[in-house]
């Protein structure tokens, strides 16, 4: 497992809080692992909740109809890279 950057650590904490993943330690989330299906096992409802939380925290919207979403939400690292590029 590769280690999390400070931005990834912050986002992992947000992810765990926003989705009430009480049994997940934010530090244990592999930044390269898939967030959906086999990875953390998130689903489309989780994606919406996470998008809202990211929007509130970082001041920009993740659009549900974006064709980029599969890439953006691929992993903690991909999401963190996107957040860092677009945060207000």
N, C-alpha and C. Protein backbone atom coordinates (compact mmCIF):
# COMPACT_ATOMS: atom_id res chain seq x y z
N UNK A 1 0.84 -1.18 0.00
CA UNK A 1 0.00 0.00 0.00
C UNK A 1 0.88 1.24 0.00
N UNK A 2 0.60 2.18 -0.88
CA UNK A 2 1.38 3.41 -0.89
C UNK A 2 0.83 4.35 0.18
N UNK A 3 1.67 5.24 0.67
CA UNK A 3 1.24 6.11 1.75
C UNK A 3 0.46 7.31 1.22
N UNK A 4 -0.38 7.85 2.08
CA UNK A 4 -1.22 8.98 1.71
C UNK A 4 -0.45 10.29 1.84
N UNK A 5 -0.71 11.21 0.91
CA UNK A 5 -0.18 12.56 1.04
C UNK A 5 -1.04 13.29 2.07
N UNK A 6 -0.60 14.46 2.54
CA UNK A 6 -1.45 15.22 3.48
C UNK A 6 -2.83 15.53 2.89
N UNK A 7 -2.90 15.88 1.61
CA UNK A 7 -4.20 16.17 0.97
C UNK A 7 -5.06 14.91 0.92
N UNK A 8 -4.46 13.77 0.64
CA UNK A 8 -5.20 12.50 0.60
C UNK A 8 -5.70 12.12 1.99
N UNK A 9 -4.88 12.39 3.01
CA UNK A 9 -5.28 12.10 4.39
C UNK A 9 -6.51 12.93 4.77
N UNK A 10 -6.49 14.21 4.41
CA UNK A 10 -7.62 15.10 4.70
C UNK A 10 -8.88 14.61 3.98
N UNK A 11 -8.73 14.22 2.73
CA UNK A 11 -9.86 13.74 1.94
C UNK A 11 -10.38 12.40 2.47
N UNK A 12 -9.48 11.53 2.89
CA UNK A 12 -9.89 10.24 3.47
C UNK A 12 -10.72 10.47 4.73
N UNK A 13 -10.31 11.42 5.54
CA UNK A 13 -11.06 11.76 6.76
C UNK A 13 -12.46 12.27 6.38
N UNK A 14 -12.53 13.14 5.39
CA UNK A 14 -13.82 13.66 4.91
C UNK A 14 -14.70 12.52 4.40
N UNK A 15 -14.12 11.62 3.63
CA UNK A 15 -14.85 10.49 3.06
C UNK A 15 -15.45 9.63 4.18
N UNK A 16 -14.65 9.30 5.17
CA UNK A 16 -15.13 8.45 6.27
C UNK A 16 -16.23 9.16 7.05
N UNK A 17 -16.07 10.48 7.31
CA UNK A 17 -17.08 11.23 8.06
C UNK A 17 -18.36 11.40 7.25
N UNK A 18 -18.23 11.80 5.99
CA UNK A 18 -19.40 12.09 5.15
C UNK A 18 -20.24 10.85 4.91
N UNK A 19 -19.59 9.69 4.81
CA UNK A 19 -20.31 8.45 4.51
C UNK A 19 -20.56 7.58 5.74
N UNK A 20 -20.22 8.12 6.91
CA UNK A 20 -20.41 7.41 8.18
C UNK A 20 -19.82 5.99 8.12
N UNK A 21 -18.59 5.90 7.65
CA UNK A 21 -17.90 4.61 7.57
C UNK A 21 -17.18 4.36 8.90
N UNK A 22 -17.98 4.09 9.92
CA UNK A 22 -17.46 3.99 11.28
C UNK A 22 -16.39 2.92 11.46
N UNK A 23 -16.43 1.89 10.63
CA UNK A 23 -15.48 0.79 10.79
C UNK A 23 -14.25 0.95 9.89
N UNK A 24 -14.09 2.12 9.26
CA UNK A 24 -12.95 2.35 8.37
C UNK A 24 -12.04 3.41 8.97
N UNK A 25 -10.77 3.07 9.12
CA UNK A 25 -9.76 4.03 9.57
C UNK A 25 -9.30 4.81 8.34
N UNK A 26 -9.47 6.16 8.35
CA UNK A 26 -9.06 6.94 7.17
C UNK A 26 -7.62 6.66 6.73
N UNK A 27 -6.74 6.43 7.71
CA UNK A 27 -5.34 6.19 7.39
C UNK A 27 -5.12 4.84 6.70
N UNK A 28 -6.12 3.95 6.80
CA UNK A 28 -5.97 2.62 6.21
C UNK A 28 -6.42 2.56 4.75
N UNK A 29 -6.98 3.66 4.24
CA UNK A 29 -7.45 3.67 2.86
C UNK A 29 -6.26 3.79 1.92
N UNK A 30 -6.08 2.80 1.09
CA UNK A 30 -4.99 2.82 0.11
C UNK A 30 -5.34 3.86 -0.95
N UNK A 31 -4.49 4.87 -1.15
CA UNK A 31 -4.82 5.94 -2.10
C UNK A 31 -4.95 5.45 -3.54
N UNK A 32 -4.39 4.27 -3.83
CA UNK A 32 -4.46 3.73 -5.19
C UNK A 32 -5.64 2.77 -5.40
N UNK A 33 -6.26 2.34 -4.29
CA UNK A 33 -7.34 1.34 -4.38
C UNK A 33 -8.63 1.97 -4.90
N UNK A 34 -9.42 1.14 -5.55
CA UNK A 34 -10.72 1.60 -6.07
C UNK A 34 -11.62 2.03 -4.92
N UNK A 35 -12.38 3.10 -5.13
CA UNK A 35 -13.34 3.53 -4.11
C UNK A 35 -14.64 2.75 -4.23
N UNK A 36 -14.96 2.28 -5.45
CA UNK A 36 -16.23 1.61 -5.69
C UNK A 36 -16.00 0.12 -5.92
N UNK A 37 -17.09 -0.62 -5.85
CA UNK A 37 -17.07 -2.06 -6.09
C UNK A 37 -16.07 -2.77 -5.19
N UNK A 38 -15.05 -3.39 -5.76
CA UNK A 38 -14.14 -4.23 -4.99
C UNK A 38 -13.34 -3.45 -3.95
N UNK A 39 -13.06 -2.17 -4.21
CA UNK A 39 -12.25 -1.39 -3.28
C UNK A 39 -12.95 -1.16 -1.95
N UNK A 40 -13.37 0.07 -1.69
CA UNK A 40 -14.09 0.39 -0.46
C UNK A 40 -15.55 -0.07 -0.53
N UNK A 41 -16.00 -0.44 -1.72
CA UNK A 41 -17.36 -0.93 -1.85
C UNK A 41 -18.42 0.16 -1.85
N UNK A 42 -18.04 1.36 -2.23
CA UNK A 42 -19.01 2.46 -2.29
C UNK A 42 -19.97 2.25 -3.46
N UNK A 43 -21.13 2.91 -3.38
CA UNK A 43 -22.11 2.81 -4.47
C UNK A 43 -22.47 4.22 -4.97
N UNK A 44 -23.44 4.30 -5.86
CA UNK A 44 -23.78 5.58 -6.49
C UNK A 44 -24.32 6.59 -5.48
N UNK A 45 -25.04 6.13 -4.47
CA UNK A 45 -25.54 7.04 -3.43
C UNK A 45 -24.35 7.62 -2.66
N UNK A 46 -23.37 6.77 -2.35
CA UNK A 46 -22.16 7.25 -1.68
C UNK A 46 -21.46 8.30 -2.53
N UNK A 47 -21.43 8.09 -3.84
CA UNK A 47 -20.79 9.04 -4.75
C UNK A 47 -21.46 10.41 -4.65
N UNK A 48 -22.79 10.42 -4.61
CA UNK A 48 -23.52 11.69 -4.49
C UNK A 48 -23.22 12.37 -3.16
N UNK A 49 -23.23 11.60 -2.08
CA UNK A 49 -22.95 12.17 -0.76
C UNK A 49 -21.51 12.69 -0.69
N UNK A 50 -20.59 11.95 -1.26
CA UNK A 50 -19.20 12.36 -1.27
C UNK A 50 -19.00 13.63 -2.11
N UNK A 51 -19.68 13.69 -3.25
CA UNK A 51 -19.60 14.87 -4.11
C UNK A 51 -20.11 16.11 -3.37
N UNK A 52 -21.21 15.97 -2.62
CA UNK A 52 -21.75 17.08 -1.84
C UNK A 52 -20.76 17.52 -0.76
N UNK A 53 -20.19 16.55 -0.06
CA UNK A 53 -19.24 16.86 1.01
C UNK A 53 -17.99 17.56 0.46
N UNK A 54 -17.51 17.08 -0.67
CA UNK A 54 -16.33 17.69 -1.31
C UNK A 54 -16.67 19.13 -1.72
N UNK A 55 -17.88 19.31 -2.28
CA UNK A 55 -18.31 20.64 -2.69
C UNK A 55 -18.36 21.62 -1.54
N UNK A 56 -18.92 21.16 -0.41
CA UNK A 56 -19.01 22.03 0.77
C UNK A 56 -17.63 22.37 1.32
N UNK A 57 -16.78 21.36 1.40
CA UNK A 57 -15.46 21.55 2.02
C UNK A 57 -14.52 22.36 1.13
N UNK A 58 -14.54 22.09 -0.17
CA UNK A 58 -13.52 22.66 -1.05
C UNK A 58 -14.03 23.75 -1.98
N UNK A 59 -15.34 24.02 -1.97
CA UNK A 59 -15.87 25.17 -2.68
C UNK A 59 -16.00 25.03 -4.19
N UNK A 60 -16.22 23.84 -4.68
CA UNK A 60 -16.53 23.67 -6.10
C UNK A 60 -17.44 22.46 -6.25
N UNK A 61 -18.19 22.41 -7.36
CA UNK A 61 -19.15 21.33 -7.55
C UNK A 61 -18.59 20.23 -8.43
N UNK A 62 -18.90 19.01 -8.03
CA UNK A 62 -18.66 17.84 -8.87
C UNK A 62 -20.00 17.52 -9.50
N UNK A 63 -20.10 17.62 -10.80
CA UNK A 63 -21.37 17.43 -11.48
C UNK A 63 -21.68 15.94 -11.69
N UNK A 64 -22.92 15.57 -11.40
CA UNK A 64 -23.30 14.17 -11.52
C UNK A 64 -23.32 13.69 -12.97
N UNK A 65 -23.46 14.63 -13.90
CA UNK A 65 -23.54 14.24 -15.31
C UNK A 65 -22.20 14.33 -16.04
N UNK A 66 -21.13 14.54 -15.28
CA UNK A 66 -19.81 14.67 -15.90
C UNK A 66 -19.28 13.32 -16.37
N UNK A 67 -18.77 13.30 -17.58
CA UNK A 67 -18.18 12.07 -18.11
C UNK A 67 -16.84 11.77 -17.43
N UNK A 68 -16.31 12.74 -16.71
CA UNK A 68 -15.04 12.58 -16.01
C UNK A 68 -15.19 11.82 -14.68
N UNK A 69 -16.42 11.65 -14.20
CA UNK A 69 -16.62 11.11 -12.86
C UNK A 69 -15.98 9.75 -12.65
N UNK A 70 -16.02 8.89 -13.64
CA UNK A 70 -15.42 7.56 -13.47
C UNK A 70 -13.92 7.70 -13.17
N UNK A 71 -13.27 8.64 -13.84
CA UNK A 71 -11.84 8.88 -13.61
C UNK A 71 -11.63 9.60 -12.27
N UNK A 72 -12.43 10.63 -12.01
CA UNK A 72 -12.28 11.43 -10.79
C UNK A 72 -12.44 10.56 -9.54
N UNK A 73 -13.46 9.68 -9.53
CA UNK A 73 -13.75 8.85 -8.37
C UNK A 73 -13.09 7.48 -8.42
N UNK A 74 -12.12 7.30 -9.29
CA UNK A 74 -11.48 6.00 -9.43
C UNK A 74 -10.79 5.56 -8.15
N UNK A 75 -10.14 6.50 -7.47
CA UNK A 75 -9.41 6.19 -6.24
C UNK A 75 -9.28 7.44 -5.40
N UNK A 76 -8.84 7.28 -4.18
CA UNK A 76 -8.59 8.43 -3.30
C UNK A 76 -7.57 9.36 -3.95
N UNK A 77 -6.55 8.79 -4.55
CA UNK A 77 -5.51 9.61 -5.18
C UNK A 77 -6.06 10.42 -6.36
N UNK A 78 -6.89 9.77 -7.19
CA UNK A 78 -7.47 10.48 -8.34
C UNK A 78 -8.39 11.61 -7.86
N UNK A 79 -9.19 11.34 -6.84
CA UNK A 79 -10.09 12.36 -6.31
C UNK A 79 -9.30 13.51 -5.70
N UNK A 80 -8.26 13.18 -4.96
CA UNK A 80 -7.41 14.20 -4.34
C UNK A 80 -6.74 15.08 -5.39
N UNK A 81 -6.26 14.48 -6.46
CA UNK A 81 -5.63 15.23 -7.55
C UNK A 81 -6.63 16.20 -8.16
N UNK A 82 -7.87 15.75 -8.36
CA UNK A 82 -8.91 16.59 -8.93
C UNK A 82 -9.26 17.74 -7.96
N UNK A 83 -9.39 17.42 -6.67
CA UNK A 83 -9.72 18.44 -5.67
C UNK A 83 -8.63 19.50 -5.63
N UNK A 84 -7.38 19.07 -5.59
CA UNK A 84 -6.27 20.03 -5.52
C UNK A 84 -6.24 20.95 -6.74
N UNK A 85 -6.65 20.45 -7.88
CA UNK A 85 -6.64 21.26 -9.11
C UNK A 85 -7.81 22.24 -9.16
N UNK A 86 -8.89 21.97 -8.43
CA UNK A 86 -10.12 22.77 -8.57
C UNK A 86 -10.59 23.48 -7.32
N UNK A 87 -9.93 23.26 -6.19
CA UNK A 87 -10.45 23.85 -4.96
C UNK A 87 -10.41 25.36 -5.01
N UNK A 88 -11.38 25.98 -4.34
CA UNK A 88 -11.52 27.44 -4.38
C UNK A 88 -10.49 28.11 -3.47
